[in-house]
Amino acid sequence: MSRLFIFVFLAILAAGLFPQNGFAQDALATSPFDVEQASRAYIDTLTGDALEKSNSYFEGGYWLIFWGAVVGFLVDFLILQSRFSKRFRDWAERVTTRKWLQPGLYALPYTIAGFFLALPWSIYTDFFREKQYDLMSQSFGAWISEQMIGIVISLIIFPLLLMAIFAVIRRAPKTWWIWGTGIISIFLFIGMLLGPVFISPLFNEYKEMEAGPMRDRIVAMAAEYDIPADHIYVFDQSKQHKRISANVSGVGPTIRISLNDNLLERTDPEEVAAVMGHELGHYVLGHTWRSILVLASIMAIGLFIVAKLAPRLIAKHGVRWGVRDLSDPAAIPLLSIILTVYFFAATPALNSLIRVNESDADLFGLNSAKEPDGFAKVAMRLSEYRKIEPGAIEEMLFFDHPSGATRVRMAMQWKADNVEQPTMTKPGKLEKD
């Protein structure tokens, strides 16, 4: 079930990331404009060690998907097999006789135990590996401090989620997975509503963007689509990493436009406009609501599998584990194991569903910002942490955003279709900032 919380938490905090490399631009080549030639002019700026490093980092991530699932599986299996799960349940029952509260109490030692058992893996993947590829700006002390903030948030939200789900397991043992899907959808909505106001500021400082031409342009772009732009925030993400990012987050009264400081400091105005056009596209195209629907559908299938498989496993091994039945909080690691395997198997489908949204937002951003070369530059900046030109099957399986090459070609095709007498741009070499 810890996989369930991570799924919800990442969905709440997710935002598009655009990393940065310095980008010089040379003179314009002569017509006629050829889409493939114009695309290759950008794509081929990534060569040598930079290309090798980009490919190495991203391809290594393929294995992290597998080993991350293995680690999650082993952590929950250890808690279950060692009967620590039974001890956590017994402790909760000693503290209170209220059935509705026991899953919430169980969640406290379970979350802490899972965090520390998986911590060595997290330190390697999220800190040392990022440092190895020069993507991390934080010291270890600052990084671990943020992990502590994250675990505190987990200790507040996860117990509430478990109490709600186990309440429907007790009251609707045959259809609980349907009601559970609804509960998770509500948590997603509340998280998207409150996350920008209460969670994001725990990790970064948000300040109003200073007045100037760039802010004016963002306000004008937002006004064209009736997007609230009374508050545009800049947050200090450079203290954590070098990637550039922006987002339109929140729901209803908490909607806000945010840019990280890397975006403003490391890109040209046309690139900022291209990024903001993409992010505004997510809002206008209703991707928040579409994402909730898609994520809820994926979760419904996962919970259905849990509802069918978990009782059989408990009947066969429950005595050894100290698990009574599906409504027993001690079954939580088993539910988490099943969901971990399910989410691993569903990774390509989930990536493809997200990638469709991102591609739609890309096209919207091109139509909104009308900066095809700015968009191509930003797409190339993805090369710092994402393989620039994967094969078609590779992109389908492992990419949750269109690859840089795909995005560059989209930008150049848009330029050919929408710019009168388009010229061939000859970009310079990518140089690391």
Protein backbone atom coordinates (compact mmCIF):
# COMPACT_ATOMS: atom_id res chain seq x y z
CA MET A 1 0.00 0.00 0.00
CA SER A 2 3.03 2.27 0.27
CA ARG A 3 3.09 2.03 -3.54
CA LEU A 4 -0.44 3.40 -3.50
CA PHE A 5 0.61 6.46 -1.49
CA ILE A 6 3.62 7.09 -3.72
CA PHE A 7 1.34 6.86 -6.78
CA VAL A 8 -1.03 9.47 -5.29
CA PHE A 9 1.76 11.70 -3.95
CA LEU A 10 3.66 11.81 -7.23
CA ALA A 11 0.48 12.54 -9.13
CA ILE A 12 -0.17 15.48 -6.80
CA LEU A 13 3.29 16.97 -7.10
CA ALA A 14 4.04 16.14 -10.71
CA ALA A 15 5.16 19.00 -12.97
CA GLY A 16 6.96 19.21 -16.34
CA LEU A 17 10.75 19.46 -16.08
CA PHE A 18 13.02 21.01 -18.70
CA PRO A 19 16.78 20.80 -17.97
CA GLN A 20 19.35 23.24 -19.26
CA ASN A 21 22.46 23.35 -21.37
CA GLY A 22 23.87 26.56 -22.86
CA PHE A 23 22.71 27.03 -26.45
CA ALA A 24 24.35 29.27 -28.98
CA GLN A 25 22.73 30.13 -32.31
CA ASP A 26 24.55 30.99 -35.52
CA ALA A 27 23.42 32.64 -38.73
CA LEU A 28 20.38 31.58 -40.74
CA ALA A 29 20.81 29.28 -43.67
CA THR A 30 19.10 29.90 -46.96
CA SER A 31 15.76 28.50 -48.21
CA PRO A 32 14.10 26.25 -49.17
CA PHE A 33 12.95 25.07 -45.77
CA ASP A 34 13.26 21.32 -45.27
CA VAL A 35 11.69 19.93 -42.08
CA GLU A 36 14.04 16.98 -41.67
CA GLN A 37 17.13 19.03 -42.45
CA ALA A 38 16.02 21.74 -40.02
CA SER A 39 15.36 19.11 -37.36
CA ARG A 40 18.73 17.45 -37.83
CA ALA A 41 20.41 20.82 -37.47
CA TYR A 42 19.20 20.88 -33.88
CA ILE A 43 19.46 17.17 -33.05
CA ASP A 44 23.02 16.91 -34.33
CA THR A 45 24.25 19.61 -31.95
CA LEU A 46 24.37 16.90 -29.28
CA THR A 47 27.52 14.88 -29.91
CA GLY A 48 30.51 13.24 -28.26
CA ASP A 49 30.72 13.00 -24.47
CA ALA A 50 27.51 14.97 -23.95
CA LEU A 51 25.56 12.50 -26.11
CA GLU A 52 27.16 9.51 -24.39
CA LYS A 53 26.43 10.91 -20.94
CA SER A 54 22.81 11.66 -21.84
CA ASN A 55 22.23 8.16 -23.20
CA SER A 56 23.99 6.54 -20.25
CA TYR A 57 21.92 8.40 -17.67
CA PHE A 58 18.56 7.73 -19.28
CA GLU A 59 19.21 4.13 -20.32
CA GLY A 60 20.38 3.41 -16.78
CA GLY A 61 16.95 4.57 -15.69
CA TYR A 62 15.38 1.64 -17.53
CA TRP A 63 16.98 -0.67 -15.00
CA LEU A 64 16.00 1.60 -12.13
CA ILE A 65 12.35 0.96 -13.00
CA PHE A 66 12.92 -2.77 -12.56
CA TRP A 67 15.15 -2.60 -9.52
CA GLY A 68 12.92 -0.01 -7.88
CA ALA A 69 10.02 -2.47 -8.14
CA VAL A 70 12.25 -5.23 -6.74
CA VAL A 71 13.26 -3.07 -3.78
CA GLY A 72 9.63 -2.13 -3.08
CA PHE A 73 8.63 -5.79 -3.30
CA LEU A 74 11.42 -6.91 -0.95
CA VAL A 75 10.75 -4.19 1.63
CA ASP A 76 7.08 -5.14 1.92
CA PHE A 77 7.84 -8.85 1.81
CA LEU A 78 10.34 -8.45 4.66
CA ILE A 79 7.81 -6.56 6.78
CA LEU A 80 5.19 -9.23 6.04
CA GLN A 81 7.35 -12.36 6.33
CA SER A 82 9.09 -11.20 9.51
CA ARG A 83 5.66 -10.68 11.11
CA PHE A 84 6.52 -7.07 11.81
CA SER A 85 3.25 -6.26 10.07
CA LYS A 86 1.41 -8.37 12.67
CA ARG A 87 3.28 -6.52 15.45
CA PHE A 88 2.31 -3.14 13.99
CA ARG A 89 -1.32 -4.31 13.88
CA ASP A 90 -1.18 -5.66 17.43
CA TRP A 91 0.24 -2.35 18.64
CA ALA A 92 -2.57 -0.43 16.96
CA GLU A 93 -5.15 -2.69 18.59
CA ARG A 94 -3.59 -2.17 22.01
CA VAL A 95 -3.71 1.59 21.58
CA THR A 96 -7.38 1.69 20.54
CA THR A 97 -10.33 -0.63 20.10
CA ARG A 98 -11.81 1.61 17.40
CA LYS A 99 -11.64 -0.36 14.16
CA TRP A 100 -11.79 2.75 12.00
CA LEU A 101 -8.70 4.22 13.67
CA GLN A 102 -6.49 1.11 13.72
CA PRO A 103 -5.37 1.30 10.04
CA GLY A 104 -4.28 4.90 10.61
CA LEU A 105 -2.20 3.94 13.65
CA TYR A 106 -0.77 0.94 11.79
CA ALA A 107 0.34 3.28 9.02
CA LEU A 108 2.71 5.14 11.34
CA PRO A 109 5.27 2.37 12.12
CA TYR A 110 4.71 0.82 8.67
CA THR A 111 5.58 4.06 6.87
CA ILE A 112 8.64 4.69 9.05
CA ALA A 113 9.92 1.12 8.66
CA GLY A 114 9.42 1.19 4.89
CA PHE A 115 11.19 4.53 4.62
CA PHE A 116 14.32 3.41 6.46
CA LEU A 117 14.48 -0.02 4.81
CA ALA A 118 14.37 1.62 1.36
CA LEU A 119 16.59 4.56 2.34
CA PRO A 120 19.89 3.10 0.99
CA TRP A 121 18.24 2.64 -2.41
CA SER A 122 16.80 6.17 -2.29
CA ILE A 123 20.19 7.62 -1.36
CA TYR A 124 21.80 5.95 -4.37
CA THR A 125 19.10 6.70 -6.96
CA ASP A 126 17.98 10.15 -5.83
CA PHE A 127 21.23 11.60 -4.49
CA PHE A 128 24.48 9.87 -5.45
CA ARG A 129 23.41 8.99 -8.99
CA GLU A 130 22.16 12.54 -9.56
CA LYS A 131 25.46 13.87 -8.26
CA GLN A 132 27.35 11.47 -10.51
CA TYR A 133 25.66 12.95 -13.57
CA ASP A 134 25.98 16.54 -12.30
CA LEU A 135 22.22 17.02 -11.96
CA MET A 136 22.08 17.64 -8.21
CA SER A 137 22.81 20.98 -6.55
CA GLN A 138 22.06 20.02 -2.95
CA SER A 139 24.40 18.81 -0.24
CA PHE A 140 23.53 15.49 1.34
CA GLY A 141 22.36 17.28 4.47
CA ALA A 142 19.92 19.45 2.53
CA TRP A 143 18.70 16.44 0.56
CA ILE A 144 18.06 14.28 3.62
CA SER A 145 16.29 17.20 5.30
CA GLU A 146 13.80 17.30 2.45
CA GLN A 147 13.35 13.54 2.74
CA MET A 148 12.40 14.09 6.37
CA ILE A 149 9.83 16.67 5.33
CA GLY A 150 8.46 14.14 2.84
CA ILE A 151 8.14 11.42 5.48
CA VAL A 152 6.28 13.81 7.79
CA ILE A 153 3.82 14.57 4.98
CA SER A 154 3.44 10.82 4.44
CA LEU A 155 2.71 10.30 8.13
CA ILE A 156 -0.18 12.76 7.84
CA ILE A 157 -1.74 11.81 4.50
CA PHE A 158 -1.14 8.04 4.34
CA PRO A 159 -2.98 7.20 7.60
CA LEU A 160 -6.01 9.18 6.42
CA LEU A 161 -5.97 7.37 3.08
CA LEU A 162 -5.72 3.95 4.74
CA MET A 163 -8.50 4.67 7.23
CA ALA A 164 -10.81 5.61 4.36
CA ILE A 165 -9.93 2.58 2.23
CA PHE A 166 -10.19 0.06 5.07
CA ALA A 167 -13.52 1.54 6.10
CA VAL A 168 -14.97 0.59 2.71
CA ILE A 169 -13.24 -2.83 2.81
CA ARG A 170 -15.12 -3.56 6.06
CA ARG A 171 -18.46 -2.20 4.89
CA ALA A 172 -18.43 -3.36 1.25
CA PRO A 173 -16.15 -6.42 1.11
CA LYS A 174 -17.21 -7.36 -2.44
CA THR A 175 -17.21 -3.91 -4.08
CA TRP A 176 -14.66 -2.08 -1.94
CA TRP A 177 -12.27 -1.68 -4.88
CA ILE A 178 -14.84 0.51 -6.67
CA TRP A 179 -15.35 2.72 -3.63
CA GLY A 180 -11.60 2.68 -3.00
CA THR A 181 -11.01 4.09 -6.47
CA GLY A 182 -13.41 6.92 -5.67
CA ILE A 183 -11.58 7.65 -2.42
CA ILE A 184 -8.23 7.83 -4.20
CA SER A 185 -9.73 10.18 -6.79
CA ILE A 186 -10.93 12.46 -3.99
CA PHE A 187 -7.47 12.44 -2.44
CA LEU A 188 -5.97 13.31 -5.83
CA PHE A 189 -8.36 16.23 -6.19
CA ILE A 190 -7.71 17.52 -2.67
CA GLY A 191 -3.97 17.14 -3.21
CA MET A 192 -4.08 19.12 -6.45
CA LEU A 193 -6.23 21.74 -4.71
CA LEU A 194 -4.07 22.16 -1.62
CA GLY A 195 -0.63 21.03 -2.82
CA PRO A 196 0.45 24.35 -4.42
CA VAL A 197 -0.52 26.29 -1.30
CA PHE A 198 0.56 23.99 1.53
CA ILE A 199 3.00 21.35 0.21
CA SER A 200 5.15 23.00 -2.47
CA PRO A 201 6.21 25.92 -0.20
CA LEU A 202 7.65 23.38 2.26
CA PHE A 203 10.37 22.61 -0.30
CA ASN A 204 10.85 25.94 -2.09
CA GLU A 205 10.34 29.65 -1.54
CA TYR A 206 7.77 31.22 -3.86
CA LYS A 207 7.97 34.92 -4.75
CA GLU A 208 5.95 37.04 -7.13
CA MET A 209 7.61 37.38 -10.51
CA GLU A 210 9.05 40.84 -11.03
CA ALA A 211 7.33 43.19 -13.44
CA GLY A 212 8.84 43.30 -16.90
CA PRO A 213 8.45 42.22 -20.54
CA MET A 214 8.56 38.49 -19.71
CA ARG A 215 5.84 38.72 -17.10
CA ASP A 216 3.76 40.88 -19.43
CA ARG A 217 4.03 38.27 -22.15
CA ILE A 218 3.00 35.44 -19.82
CA VAL A 219 0.03 37.48 -18.59
CA ALA A 220 -1.00 38.18 -22.20
CA MET A 221 -0.71 34.49 -23.13
CA ALA A 222 -2.79 33.48 -20.11
CA ALA A 223 -5.41 36.18 -20.74
CA GLU A 224 -5.97 34.88 -24.26
CA TYR A 225 -7.35 31.68 -22.74
CA ASP A 226 -8.94 33.16 -19.59
CA ILE A 227 -6.36 31.59 -17.30
CA PRO A 228 -6.04 33.33 -13.91
CA ALA A 229 -2.72 35.18 -13.89
CA ASP A 230 -3.07 37.54 -10.95
CA HIS A 231 -0.21 35.74 -9.29
CA ILE A 232 2.83 34.43 -11.17
CA TYR A 233 5.43 32.91 -8.90
CA VAL A 234 9.15 32.19 -9.23
CA PHE A 235 10.51 29.46 -6.97
CA ASP A 236 14.14 28.75 -6.04
CA GLN A 237 14.61 25.25 -7.45
CA SER A 238 18.23 25.95 -8.39
CA LYS A 239 19.10 25.06 -4.79
CA GLN A 240 18.03 21.49 -5.55
CA HIS A 241 18.95 20.77 -9.16
CA LYS A 242 19.80 22.29 -12.53
CA ARG A 243 16.67 21.35 -14.47
CA ILE A 244 14.32 24.05 -15.64
CA SER A 245 10.60 23.78 -15.07
CA ALA A 246 7.30 25.60 -14.90
CA ASN A 247 3.72 24.62 -14.20
CA VAL A 248 0.14 25.75 -13.94
CA SER A 249 -0.89 24.01 -10.73
CA GLY A 250 -3.85 23.92 -8.42
CA VAL A 251 -7.59 23.64 -8.91
CA GLY A 252 -10.23 26.37 -8.69
CA PRO A 253 -9.18 29.11 -6.24
CA THR A 254 -5.64 27.73 -5.85
CA ILE A 255 -4.69 27.87 -9.55
CA ARG A 256 -1.32 29.54 -9.97
CA ILE A 257 1.40 29.92 -12.60
CA SER A 258 4.89 29.10 -11.37
CA LEU A 259 8.35 29.17 -12.98
CA ASN A 260 11.54 28.01 -11.37
CA ASP A 261 14.54 30.32 -11.24
CA ASN A 262 16.54 28.09 -13.59
CA LEU A 263 14.06 28.74 -16.39
CA LEU A 264 14.45 32.49 -16.13
CA GLU A 265 18.21 32.50 -15.62
CA ARG A 266 19.30 29.90 -18.17
CA THR A 267 17.05 30.36 -21.18
CA ASP A 268 16.16 33.06 -23.70
CA PRO A 269 12.76 34.81 -23.66
CA GLU A 270 11.47 32.83 -26.64
CA GLU A 271 12.28 29.60 -24.80
CA VAL A 272 10.45 30.78 -21.68
CA ALA A 273 7.44 31.60 -23.83
CA ALA A 274 7.58 28.14 -25.43
CA VAL A 275 7.67 26.44 -22.04
CA MET A 276 4.83 28.57 -20.69
CA GLY A 277 2.73 27.89 -23.79
CA HIS A 278 3.12 24.18 -23.11
CA GLU A 279 2.17 24.54 -19.44
CA LEU A 280 -0.83 26.75 -20.22
CA GLY A 281 -1.88 24.03 -22.65
CA HIS A 282 -2.23 21.53 -19.84
CA TYR A 283 -4.73 23.86 -18.16
CA VAL A 284 -6.73 24.82 -21.24
CA LEU A 285 -6.94 21.23 -22.49
CA GLY A 286 -8.24 20.01 -19.14
CA HIS A 287 -5.34 17.68 -18.47
CA THR A 288 -5.81 17.93 -14.70
CA TRP A 289 -9.25 16.37 -14.94
CA ARG A 290 -8.20 13.97 -17.67
CA SER A 291 -5.25 12.87 -15.53
CA ILE A 292 -7.48 12.23 -12.52
CA LEU A 293 -9.78 10.13 -14.70
CA VAL A 294 -6.91 8.17 -16.26
CA LEU A 295 -5.12 7.62 -12.96
CA ALA A 296 -8.38 6.56 -11.33
CA SER A 297 -9.00 4.05 -14.13
CA ILE A 298 -5.51 2.60 -13.76
CA MET A 299 -5.94 2.40 -10.00
CA ALA A 300 -9.36 0.75 -10.37
CA ILE A 301 -7.79 -2.10 -12.33
CA GLY A 302 -5.04 -2.43 -9.72
CA LEU A 303 -7.47 -2.52 -6.81
CA PHE A 304 -9.64 -5.04 -8.67
CA ILE A 305 -6.62 -7.32 -9.01
CA VAL A 306 -5.89 -6.85 -5.31
CA ALA A 307 -9.50 -7.70 -4.42
CA LYS A 308 -9.28 -10.97 -6.37
CA LEU A 309 -5.76 -12.06 -5.52
CA ALA A 310 -5.13 -10.93 -1.93
CA PRO A 311 -7.85 -13.07 -0.23
CA ARG A 312 -6.45 -16.20 -1.90
CA LEU A 313 -2.92 -15.46 -0.74
CA ILE A 314 -4.14 -14.69 2.77
CA ALA A 315 -6.08 -17.97 2.90
CA LYS A 316 -2.91 -19.84 1.93
CA HIS A 317 -0.23 -17.94 3.87
CA GLY A 318 -2.11 -15.75 6.33
CA VAL A 319 -1.40 -17.89 9.38
CA ARG A 320 2.35 -17.71 8.77
CA TRP A 321 2.19 -13.93 8.25
CA GLY A 322 -0.21 -13.28 11.11
CA VAL A 323 -2.79 -11.79 8.75
CA ARG A 324 -6.43 -12.61 9.49
CA ASP A 325 -8.26 -11.38 6.39
CA LEU A 326 -8.35 -8.57 3.86
CA SER A 327 -9.83 -6.11 6.38
CA ASP A 328 -6.86 -6.67 8.70
CA PRO A 329 -4.36 -3.76 8.57
CA ALA A 330 -1.59 -6.35 8.77
CA ALA A 331 -2.46 -7.20 5.15
CA ILE A 332 -1.24 -3.80 3.96
CA PRO A 333 2.25 -5.01 2.85
CA LEU A 334 0.59 -7.75 0.79
CA LEU A 335 -1.67 -5.22 -0.93
CA SER A 336 1.40 -3.08 -1.59
CA ILE A 337 3.30 -6.01 -3.11
CA ILE A 338 0.47 -6.74 -5.54
CA LEU A 339 0.21 -3.07 -6.53
CA THR A 340 3.99 -2.83 -6.96
CA VAL A 341 3.99 -5.69 -9.45
CA TYR A 342 0.93 -4.26 -11.18
CA PHE A 343 2.37 -0.76 -11.57
CA PHE A 344 5.63 -2.18 -12.87
CA ALA A 345 3.75 -4.16 -15.53
CA ALA A 346 1.60 -1.12 -16.35
CA THR A 347 4.56 1.26 -16.76
CA PRO A 348 4.51 1.31 -20.60
CA ALA A 349 0.75 1.97 -20.69
CA LEU A 350 0.99 4.70 -18.06
CA ASN A 351 3.92 6.32 -19.88
CA SER A 352 1.99 6.32 -23.15
CA LEU A 353 -1.10 7.87 -21.59
CA ILE A 354 0.96 10.67 -20.05
CA ARG A 355 2.92 11.13 -23.29
CA VAL A 356 -0.30 11.76 -25.23
CA ASN A 357 -1.15 14.63 -22.87
CA GLU A 358 2.35 16.04 -23.18
CA SER A 359 2.25 15.88 -26.98
CA ASP A 360 -1.10 17.68 -27.03
CA ALA A 361 0.34 20.37 -24.74
CA ASP A 362 3.36 20.68 -27.04
CA LEU A 363 1.16 21.45 -30.02
CA PHE A 364 -0.91 23.89 -27.98
CA GLY A 365 2.28 25.61 -26.82
CA LEU A 366 3.49 26.04 -30.39
CA ASN A 367 0.18 27.56 -31.42
CA SER A 368 0.12 29.80 -28.35
CA ALA A 369 3.72 31.04 -28.13
CA LYS A 370 4.46 30.83 -31.88
CA GLU A 371 8.13 30.18 -31.05
CA PRO A 372 9.11 27.02 -32.94
CA ASP A 373 12.84 27.64 -32.62
CA GLY A 374 12.47 28.49 -28.95
CA PHE A 375 10.55 25.25 -28.51
CA ALA A 376 13.25 23.29 -30.39
CA LYS A 377 15.93 24.75 -28.13
CA VAL A 378 14.01 23.73 -25.02
CA ALA A 379 13.50 20.25 -26.47
CA MET A 380 17.23 19.93 -26.94
CA ARG A 381 17.83 20.93 -23.34
CA LEU A 382 16.09 17.73 -22.33
CA SER A 383 19.26 15.98 -23.45
CA GLU A 384 20.87 16.64 -20.09
CA TYR A 385 18.76 13.94 -18.50
CA ARG A 386 16.73 12.32 -21.30
CA LYS A 387 17.95 10.36 -24.30
CA ILE A 388 17.50 12.65 -27.27
CA GLU A 389 16.76 10.19 -30.09
CA PRO A 390 15.44 6.79 -28.99
CA GLY A 391 13.98 4.13 -31.22
CA ALA A 392 10.21 4.06 -31.70
CA ILE A 393 9.63 1.07 -29.39
CA GLU A 394 12.06 2.47 -26.83
CA GLU A 395 10.18 5.77 -26.75
CA MET A 396 6.84 3.99 -26.41
CA LEU A 397 8.01 1.84 -23.47
CA PHE A 398 10.18 4.19 -21.44
CA PHE A 399 9.30 7.82 -22.25
CA ASP A 400 6.52 9.61 -20.38
CA HIS A 401 7.20 12.73 -22.51
CA PRO A 402 7.92 12.88 -26.23
CA SER A 403 11.64 12.60 -26.86
CA GLY A 404 13.68 15.64 -27.77
CA ALA A 405 13.94 14.51 -31.38
CA THR A 406 10.17 14.05 -31.63
CA ARG A 407 9.61 17.52 -30.20
CA VAL A 408 12.15 19.18 -32.48
CA ARG A 409 10.50 17.61 -35.52
CA MET A 410 7.08 18.78 -34.32
CA ALA A 411 8.44 22.32 -33.93
CA MET A 412 10.03 22.35 -37.37
CA GLN A 413 6.87 20.93 -38.97
CA TRP A 414 4.84 23.64 -37.23
CA LYS A 415 7.31 26.22 -38.56
CA ALA A 416 6.95 24.88 -42.09
CA ASP A 417 3.14 24.93 -41.86
CA ASN A 418 2.61 28.24 -40.09
CA VAL A 419 5.50 30.60 -40.77
CA GLU A 420 5.50 32.53 -44.01
CA GLN A 421 8.76 31.94 -45.87
CA PRO A 422 10.41 30.03 -42.99
CA THR A 423 14.19 30.10 -42.83
CA MET A 424 16.59 27.37 -41.85
CA THR A 425 18.17 28.04 -38.47
CA LYS A 426 21.68 26.81 -37.91
CA PRO A 427 22.02 26.36 -34.17
CA GLY A 428 25.41 26.28 -32.54
CA LYS A 429 26.83 23.52 -30.37
CA LEU A 430 25.26 22.75 -27.06
CA GLU A 431 27.62 23.96 -24.36
CA LYS A 432 27.21 23.05 -20.71
CA ASP A 433 26.30 25.95 -18.43
